Amino acid sequence: MRFFHAEYNMYHNSIDINTYAGYILRIDCNVAEDGLRTTPGSQCALNALAIDEPLEYARLAFEGNLQMWEDAEDDLELI
């Protein structure tokens, strides 16, 4: 069984992921979000995701689905 711990690092604007196997990974949010098409509302939602659910943010970044998530957030704003 694999265990992960992720938290938002406000000093580096990154997601720090620690595994209990001793690995440490840092995702730079600026690099992960480079080139995304966002609106102010979806950018706010993305920031909240990084702070409140950093492991989910990391999963979306690794899978390359941040833009799809942003687009879904934009669609929710229209409703």
PDB file of N, CA and C in Angstrom:
ATOM      1  N   MET A   1       0.848  -1.172   0.000  1.00  0.00           N
ATOM      2  CA  MET A   1       0.000   0.000   0.000  1.00  0.00           C
ATOM      3  C   MET A   1       0.896   1.238   0.000  1.00  0.00           C
ATOM      4  N   ARG A   2       0.527   2.220  -0.807  1.00  0.00           N
ATOM      5  CA  ARG A   2       1.306   3.448  -0.906  1.00  0.00           C
ATOM      6  C   ARG A   2       0.579   4.572  -0.191  1.00  0.00           C
ATOM      7  N   PHE A   3       1.326   5.327   0.582  1.00  0.00           N
ATOM      8  CA  PHE A   3       0.756   6.455   1.297  1.00  0.00           C
ATOM      9  C   PHE A   3       1.429   7.727   0.811  1.00  0.00           C
ATOM     10  N   PHE A   4       0.622   8.765   0.608  1.00  0.00           N
ATOM     11  CA  PHE A   4       1.118  10.054   0.158  1.00  0.00           C
ATOM     12  C   PHE A   4       0.591  11.134   1.085  1.00  0.00           C
ATOM     13  N   HIS A   5       1.374  12.161   1.224  1.00  0.00           N
ATOM     14  CA  HIS A   5       0.928  13.349   1.947  1.00  0.00           C
ATOM     15  C   HIS A   5       1.279  14.533   1.063  1.00  0.00           C
ATOM     16  N   ALA A   6       0.317  15.389   0.825  1.00  0.00           N
ATOM     17  CA  ALA A   6       0.543  16.562  -0.016  1.00  0.00           C
ATOM     18  C   ALA A   6       0.061  17.798   0.719  1.00  0.00           C
ATOM     19  N   GLU A   7       0.786  18.878   0.541  1.00  0.00           N
ATOM     20  CA  GLU A   7       0.355  20.155   1.117  1.00  0.00           C
ATOM     21  C   GLU A   7       0.837  21.294   0.243  1.00  0.00           C
ATOM     22  N   TYR A   8       0.094  22.375   0.292  1.00  0.00           N
ATOM     23  CA  TYR A   8       0.437  23.573  -0.463  1.00  0.00           C
ATOM     24  C   TYR A   8       1.528  24.327   0.285  1.00  0.00           C
ATOM     25  N   ASN A   9       2.571  24.725  -0.432  1.00  0.00           N
ATOM     26  CA  ASN A   9       3.670  25.494   0.144  1.00  0.00           C
ATOM     27  C   ASN A   9       3.529  26.929  -0.354  1.00  0.00           C
ATOM     28  N   MET A  10       3.043  27.826   0.517  1.00  0.00           N
ATOM     29  CA  MET A  10       2.780  29.200   0.095  1.00  0.00           C
ATOM     30  C   MET A  10       4.062  29.991  -0.157  1.00  0.00           C
ATOM     31  N   TYR A  11       5.177  29.554   0.386  1.00  0.00           N
ATOM     32  CA  TYR A  11       6.425  30.276   0.190  1.00  0.00           C
ATOM     33  C   TYR A  11       7.019  30.043  -1.191  1.00  0.00           C
ATOM     34  N   HIS A  12       6.704  28.893  -1.786  1.00  0.00           N
ATOM     35  CA  HIS A  12       7.220  28.559  -3.114  1.00  0.00           C
ATOM     36  C   HIS A  12       6.115  28.458  -4.156  1.00  0.00           C
ATOM     37  N   ASN A  13       4.846  28.682  -3.762  1.00  0.00           N
ATOM     38  CA  ASN A  13       3.692  28.490  -4.629  1.00  0.00           C
ATOM     39  C   ASN A  13       3.788  27.129  -5.312  1.00  0.00           C
ATOM     40  N   SER A  14       3.861  26.104  -4.471  1.00  0.00           N
ATOM     41  CA  SER A  14       4.036  24.755  -4.987  1.00  0.00           C
ATOM     42  C   SER A  14       3.240  23.765  -4.156  1.00  0.00           C
ATOM     43  N   ILE A  15       3.105  22.580  -4.719  1.00  0.00           N
ATOM     44  CA  ILE A  15       2.526  21.452  -4.004  1.00  0.00           C
ATOM     45  C   ILE A  15       3.680  20.537  -3.648  1.00  0.00           C
ATOM     46  N   ASP A  16       3.877  20.286  -2.368  1.00  0.00           N
ATOM     47  CA  ASP A  16       4.927  19.388  -1.895  1.00  0.00           C
ATOM     48  C   ASP A  16       4.296  18.049  -1.553  1.00  0.00           C
ATOM     49  N   ILE A  17       4.772  17.000  -2.203  1.00  0.00           N
ATOM     50  CA  ILE A  17       4.241  15.663  -1.996  1.00  0.00           C
ATOM     51  C   ILE A  17       5.321  14.818  -1.342  1.00  0.00           C
ATOM     52  N   ASN A  18       4.976  14.199  -0.222  1.00  0.00           N
ATOM     53  CA  ASN A  18       5.891  13.302   0.483  1.00  0.00           C
ATOM     54  C   ASN A  18       5.291  11.906   0.466  1.00  0.00           C
ATOM     55  N   THR A  19       6.146  10.921   0.207  1.00  0.00           N
ATOM     56  CA  THR A  19       5.696   9.540   0.305  1.00  0.00           C
ATOM     57  C   THR A  19       6.358   8.927   1.522  1.00  0.00           C
ATOM     58  N   TYR A  20       5.717   7.926   2.058  1.00  0.00           N
ATOM     59  CA  TYR A  20       6.292   7.271   3.218  1.00  0.00           C
ATOM     60  C   TYR A  20       7.421   6.333   2.835  1.00  0.00           C
ATOM     61  N   ALA A  21       7.711   6.231   1.537  1.00  0.00           N
ATOM     62  CA  ALA A  21       8.886   5.498   1.074  1.00  0.00           C
ATOM     63  C   ALA A  21      10.109   6.421   1.059  1.00  0.00           C
ATOM     64  N   GLY A  22       9.908   7.697   1.384  1.00  0.00           N
ATOM     65  CA  GLY A  22      11.020   8.629   1.494  1.00  0.00           C
ATOM     66  C   GLY A  22      11.215   9.545   0.298  1.00  0.00           C
ATOM     67  N   TYR A  23      10.315   9.521  -0.664  1.00  0.00           N
ATOM     68  CA  TYR A  23      10.446  10.389  -1.828  1.00  0.00           C
ATOM     69  C   TYR A  23       9.748  11.713  -1.571  1.00  0.00           C
ATOM     70  N   ILE A  24      10.330  12.776  -2.105  1.00  0.00           N
ATOM     71  CA  ILE A  24       9.744  14.109  -2.004  1.00  0.00           C
ATOM     72  C   ILE A  24       9.647  14.678  -3.417  1.00  0.00           C
ATOM     73  N   LEU A  25       8.496  15.217  -3.747  1.00  0.00           N
ATOM     74  CA  LEU A  25       8.261  15.782  -5.061  1.00  0.00           C
ATOM     75  C   LEU A  25       7.641  17.157  -4.883  1.00  0.00           C
ATOM     76  N   ARG A  26       8.080  18.116  -5.681  1.00  0.00           N
ATOM     77  CA  ARG A  26       7.516  19.465  -5.620  1.00  0.00           C
ATOM     78  C   ARG A  26       6.987  19.831  -7.004  1.00  0.00           C
ATOM     79  N   ILE A  27       5.726  20.232  -7.048  1.00  0.00           N
ATOM     80  CA  ILE A  27       5.114  20.706  -8.285  1.00  0.00           C
ATOM     81  C   ILE A  27       5.014  22.225  -8.193  1.00  0.00           C
ATOM     82  N   ASP A  28       5.679  22.918  -9.076  1.00  0.00           N
ATOM     83  CA  ASP A  28       5.612  24.374  -9.126  1.00  0.00           C
ATOM     84  C   ASP A  28       4.295  24.768  -9.790  1.00  0.00           C
ATOM     85  N   CYS A  29       3.432  25.425  -9.055  1.00  0.00           N
ATOM     86  CA  CYS A  29       2.112  25.779  -9.578  1.00  0.00           C
ATOM     87  C   CYS A  29       2.221  26.757 -10.747  1.00  0.00           C
ATOM     88  N   ASN A  30       3.216  27.648 -10.727  1.00  0.00           N
ATOM     89  CA  ASN A  30       3.386  28.581 -11.844  1.00  0.00           C
ATOM     90  C   ASN A  30       3.683  27.839 -13.135  1.00  0.00           C
ATOM     91  N   VAL A  31       4.519  26.818 -13.065  1.00  0.00           N
ATOM     92  CA  VAL A  31       4.861  26.030 -14.251  1.00  0.00           C
ATOM     93  C   VAL A  31       3.672  25.175 -14.675  1.00  0.00           C
ATOM     94  N   ALA A  32       2.981  24.569 -13.709  1.00  0.00           N
ATOM     95  CA  ALA A  32       1.843  23.712 -14.025  1.00  0.00           C
ATOM     96  C   ALA A  32       0.715  24.502 -14.678  1.00  0.00           C
ATOM     97  N   GLU A  33       0.560  25.769 -14.312  1.00  0.00           N
ATOM     98  CA  GLU A  33      -0.532  26.582 -14.823  1.00  0.00           C
ATOM     99  C   GLU A  33      -0.134  27.433 -16.023  1.00  0.00           C
ATOM    100  N   ASP A  34       1.122  27.360 -16.439  1.00  0.00           N
ATOM    101  CA  ASP A  34       1.596  28.133 -17.578  1.00  0.00           C
ATOM    102  C   ASP A  34       0.849  27.692 -18.843  1.00  0.00           C
ATOM    103  N   GLY A  35       0.250  28.627 -19.523  1.00  0.00           N
ATOM    104  CA  GLY A  35      -0.460  28.337 -20.760  1.00  0.00           C
ATOM    105  C   GLY A  35      -1.924  27.981 -20.594  1.00  0.00           C
ATOM    106  N   LEU A  36      -2.423  27.914 -19.363  1.00  0.00           N
ATOM    107  CA  LEU A  36      -3.838  27.627 -19.163  1.00  0.00           C
ATOM    108  C   LEU A  36      -4.674  28.861 -19.512  1.00  0.00           C
ATOM    109  N   ARG A  37      -5.816  28.626 -20.116  1.00  0.00           N
ATOM    110  CA  ARG A  37      -6.763  29.701 -20.387  1.00  0.00           C
ATOM    111  C   ARG A  37      -7.736  29.744 -19.218  1.00  0.00           C
ATOM    112  N   THR A  38      -7.685  30.813 -18.457  1.00  0.00           N
ATOM    113  CA  THR A  38      -8.519  30.908 -17.257  1.00  0.00           C
ATOM    114  C   THR A  38      -9.309  32.210 -17.254  1.00  0.00           C
ATOM    115  N   THR A  39     -10.346  32.198 -16.462  1.00  0.00           N
ATOM    116  CA  THR A  39     -11.077  33.415 -16.148  1.00  0.00           C
ATOM    117  C   THR A  39     -10.754  33.741 -14.693  1.00  0.00           C
ATOM    118  N   PRO A  40     -11.076  34.936 -14.228  1.00  0.00           N
ATOM    119  CA  PRO A  40     -10.802  35.230 -12.817  1.00  0.00           C
ATOM    120  C   PRO A  40     -11.475  34.248 -11.855  1.00  0.00           C
ATOM    121  N   GLY A  41     -12.697  33.832 -12.176  1.00  0.00           N
ATOM    122  CA  GLY A  41     -13.401  32.890 -11.304  1.00  0.00           C
ATOM    123  C   GLY A  41     -12.762  31.512 -11.297  1.00  0.00           C
ATOM    124  N   SER A  42     -12.379  31.020 -12.478  1.00  0.00           N
ATOM    125  CA  SER A  42     -11.767  29.690 -12.522  1.00  0.00           C
ATOM    126  C   SER A  42     -10.351  29.712 -11.943  1.00  0.00           C
ATOM    127  N   GLN A  43      -9.656  30.833 -12.060  1.00  0.00           N
ATOM    128  CA  GLN A  43      -8.333  30.940 -11.448  1.00  0.00           C
ATOM    129  C   GLN A  43      -8.449  30.914  -9.931  1.00  0.00           C
ATOM    130  N   CYS A  44      -9.462  31.572  -9.408  1.00  0.00           N
ATOM    131  CA  CYS A  44      -9.721  31.548  -7.967  1.00  0.00           C
ATOM    132  C   CYS A  44     -10.037  30.130  -7.510  1.00  0.00           C
ATOM    133  N   ALA A  45     -10.841  29.402  -8.303  1.00  0.00           N
ATOM    134  CA  ALA A  45     -11.174  28.018  -7.966  1.00  0.00           C
ATOM    135  C   ALA A  45      -9.936  27.126  -8.020  1.00  0.00           C
ATOM    136  N   LEU A  46      -9.055  27.385  -8.978  1.00  0.00           N
ATOM    137  CA  LEU A  46      -7.815  26.601  -9.088  1.00  0.00           C
ATOM    138  C   LEU A  46      -6.899  26.871  -7.893  1.00  0.00           C
ATOM    139  N   ASN A  47      -6.825  28.124  -7.468  1.00  0.00           N
ATOM    140  CA  ASN A  47      -6.034  28.457  -6.285  1.00  0.00           C
ATOM    141  C   ASN A  47      -6.598  27.765  -5.046  1.00  0.00           C
ATOM    142  N   ALA A  48      -7.911  27.765  -4.922  1.00  0.00           N
ATOM    143  CA  ALA A  48      -8.550  27.094  -3.783  1.00  0.00           C
ATOM    144  C   ALA A  48      -8.293  25.592  -3.827  1.00  0.00           C
ATOM    145  N   LEU A  49      -8.304  25.006  -5.019  1.00  0.00           N
ATOM    146  CA  LEU A  49      -8.020  23.580  -5.153  1.00  0.00           C
ATOM    147  C   LEU A  49      -6.597  23.271  -4.682  1.00  0.00           C
ATOM    148  N   ALA A  50      -5.636  24.091  -5.083  1.00  0.00           N
ATOM    149  CA  ALA A  50      -4.242  23.867  -4.679  1.00  0.00           C
ATOM    150  C   ALA A  50      -4.086  23.958  -3.160  1.00  0.00           C
ATOM    151  N   ILE A  51      -4.774  24.885  -2.539  1.00  0.00           N
ATOM    152  CA  ILE A  51      -4.640  25.083  -1.099  1.00  0.00           C
ATOM    153  C   ILE A  51      -5.434  24.038  -0.317  1.00  0.00           C
ATOM    154  N   ASP A  52      -6.679  23.784  -0.730  1.00  0.00           N
ATOM    155  CA  ASP A  52      -7.561  22.912   0.041  1.00  0.00           C
ATOM    156  C   ASP A  52      -7.416  21.427  -0.290  1.00  0.00           C
ATOM    157  N   GLU A  53      -7.114  21.111  -1.545  1.00  0.00           N
ATOM    158  CA  GLU A  53      -6.993  19.714  -1.968  1.00  0.00           C
ATOM    159  C   GLU A  53      -5.738  19.530  -2.827  1.00  0.00           C
ATOM    160  N   PRO A  54      -4.562  19.653  -2.226  1.00  0.00           N
ATOM    161  CA  PRO A  54      -3.331  19.613  -3.008  1.00  0.00           C
ATOM    162  C   PRO A  54      -3.083  18.283  -3.721  1.00  0.00           C
ATOM    163  N   LEU A  55      -3.533  17.182  -3.155  1.00  0.00           N
ATOM    164  CA  LEU A  55      -3.322  15.893  -3.818  1.00  0.00           C
ATOM    165  C   LEU A  55      -4.157  15.799  -5.095  1.00  0.00           C
ATOM    166  N   GLU A  56      -5.360  16.333  -5.073  1.00  0.00           N
ATOM    167  CA  GLU A  56      -6.202  16.357  -6.276  1.00  0.00           C
ATOM    168  C   GLU A  56      -5.588  17.270  -7.338  1.00  0.00           C
ATOM    169  N   TYR A  57      -5.062  18.409  -6.923  1.00  0.00           N
ATOM    170  CA  TYR A  57      -4.371  19.322  -7.845  1.00  0.00           C
ATOM    171  C   TYR A  57      -3.193  18.596  -8.496  1.00  0.00           C
ATOM    172  N   ALA A  58      -2.412  17.883  -7.697  1.00  0.00           N
ATOM    173  CA  ALA A  58      -1.257  17.154  -8.225  1.00  0.00           C
ATOM    174  C   ALA A  58      -1.700  16.090  -9.220  1.00  0.00           C
ATOM    175  N   ARG A  59      -2.780  15.376  -8.912  1.00  0.00           N
ATOM    176  CA  ARG A  59      -3.279  14.345  -9.816  1.00  0.00           C
ATOM    177  C   ARG A  59      -3.679  14.948 -11.153  1.00  0.00           C
ATOM    178  N   LEU A  60      -4.397  16.064 -11.113  1.00  0.00           N
ATOM    179  CA  LEU A  60      -4.804  16.728 -12.348  1.00  0.00           C
ATOM    180  C   LEU A  60      -3.596  17.231 -13.134  1.00  0.00           C
ATOM    181  N   ALA A  61      -2.597  17.757 -12.440  1.00  0.00           N
ATOM    182  CA  ALA A  61      -1.397  18.252 -13.120  1.00  0.00           C
ATOM    183  C   ALA A  61      -0.629  17.106 -13.776  1.00  0.00           C
ATOM    184  N   PHE A  62      -0.475  15.991 -13.083  1.00  0.00           N
ATOM    185  CA  PHE A  62       0.246  14.846 -13.642  1.00  0.00           C
ATOM    186  C   PHE A  62      -0.475  14.250 -14.844  1.00  0.00           C
ATOM    187  N   GLU A  63      -1.797  14.208 -14.788  1.00  0.00           N
ATOM    188  CA  GLU A  63      -2.577  13.636 -15.876  1.00  0.00           C
ATOM    189  C   GLU A  63      -2.757  14.616 -17.028  1.00  0.00           C
ATOM    190  N   GLY A  64      -2.371  15.877 -16.834  1.00  0.00           N
ATOM    191  CA  GLY A  64      -2.534  16.885 -17.876  1.00  0.00           C
ATOM    192  C   GLY A  64      -3.964  17.352 -18.034  1.00  0.00           C
ATOM    193  N   ASN A  65      -4.747  17.282 -16.968  1.00  0.00           N
ATOM    194  CA  ASN A  65      -6.160  17.621 -17.030  1.00  0.00           C
ATOM    195  C   ASN A  65      -6.510  18.942 -16.348  1.00  0.00           C
ATOM    196  N   LEU A  66      -5.540  19.788 -16.059  1.00  0.00           N
ATOM    197  CA  LEU A  66      -5.857  21.064 -15.403  1.00  0.00           C
ATOM    198  C   LEU A  66      -6.735  21.941 -16.296  1.00  0.00           C
ATOM    199  N   GLN A  67      -6.463  21.965 -17.609  1.00  0.00           N
ATOM    200  CA  GLN A  67      -7.273  22.795 -18.507  1.00  0.00           C
ATOM    201  C   GLN A  67      -8.704  22.279 -18.565  1.00  0.00           C
ATOM    202  N   MET A  68      -8.874  20.961 -18.612  1.00  0.00           N
ATOM    203  CA  MET A  68     -10.215  20.394 -18.643  1.00  0.00           C
ATOM    204  C   MET A  68     -10.955  20.749 -17.358  1.00  0.00           C
ATOM    205  N   TRP A  69     -10.282  20.701 -16.218  1.00  0.00           N
ATOM    206  CA  TRP A  69     -10.898  21.067 -14.942  1.00  0.00           C
ATOM    207  C   TRP A  69     -11.278  22.546 -14.944  1.00  0.00           C
ATOM    208  N   GLU A  70     -10.373  23.400 -15.473  1.00  0.00           N
ATOM    209  CA  GLU A  70     -10.651  24.839 -15.570  1.00  0.00           C
ATOM    210  C   GLU A  70     -11.871  25.103 -16.446  1.00  0.00           C
ATOM    211  N   ASP A  71     -11.953  24.410 -17.576  1.00  0.00           N
ATOM    212  CA  ASP A  71     -13.094  24.592 -18.472  1.00  0.00           C
ATOM    213  C   ASP A  71     -14.395  24.191 -17.782  1.00  0.00           C
ATOM    214  N   ALA A  72     -14.363  23.118 -17.013  1.00  0.00           N
ATOM    215  CA  ALA A  72     -15.552  22.690 -16.273  1.00  0.00           C
ATOM    216  C   ALA A  72     -15.941  23.746 -15.239  1.00  0.00           C
ATOM    217  N   GLU A  73     -14.960  24.345 -14.591  1.00  0.00           N
ATOM    218  CA  GLU A  73     -15.251  25.414 -13.616  1.00  0.00           C
ATOM    219  C   GLU A  73     -15.885  26.614 -14.318  1.00  0.00           C
ATOM    220  N   ASP A  74     -15.388  26.948 -15.514  1.00  0.00           N
ATOM    221  CA  ASP A  74     -15.974  28.061 -16.272  1.00  0.00           C
ATOM    222  C   ASP A  74     -17.419  27.750 -16.640  1.00  0.00           C
ATOM    223  N   ASP A  75     -17.694  26.501 -17.018  1.00  0.00           N
ATOM    224  CA  ASP A  75     -19.059  26.108 -17.361  1.00  0.00           C
ATOM    225  C   ASP A  75     -19.983  26.221 -16.148  1.00  0.00           C
ATOM    226  N   LEU A  76     -19.479  25.895 -14.963  1.00  0.00           N
ATOM    227  CA  LEU A  76     -20.294  26.009 -13.751  1.00  0.00           C
ATOM    228  C   LEU A  76     -20.645  27.453 -13.439  1.00  0.00           C
ATOM    229  N   GLU A  77     -19.749  28.384 -13.783  1.00  0.00           N
ATOM    230  CA  GLU A  77     -20.017  29.792 -13.524  1.00  0.00           C
ATOM    231  C   GLU A  77     -21.176  30.297 -14.373  1.00  0.00           C
ATOM    232  N   LEU A  78     -21.375  29.700 -15.546  1.00  0.00           N
ATOM    233  CA  LEU A  78     -22.430  30.149 -16.451  1.00  0.00           C
ATOM    234  C   LEU A  78     -23.812  29.691 -16.025  1.00  0.00           C
ATOM    235  N   ILE A  79     -23.854  28.678 -15.176  1.00  0.00           N
ATOM    236  CA  ILE A  79     -25.137  28.130 -14.746  1.00  0.00           C
ATOM    237  C   ILE A  79     -25.759  28.990 -13.675  1.00  0.00           C
TER     238      ILE A  79
END
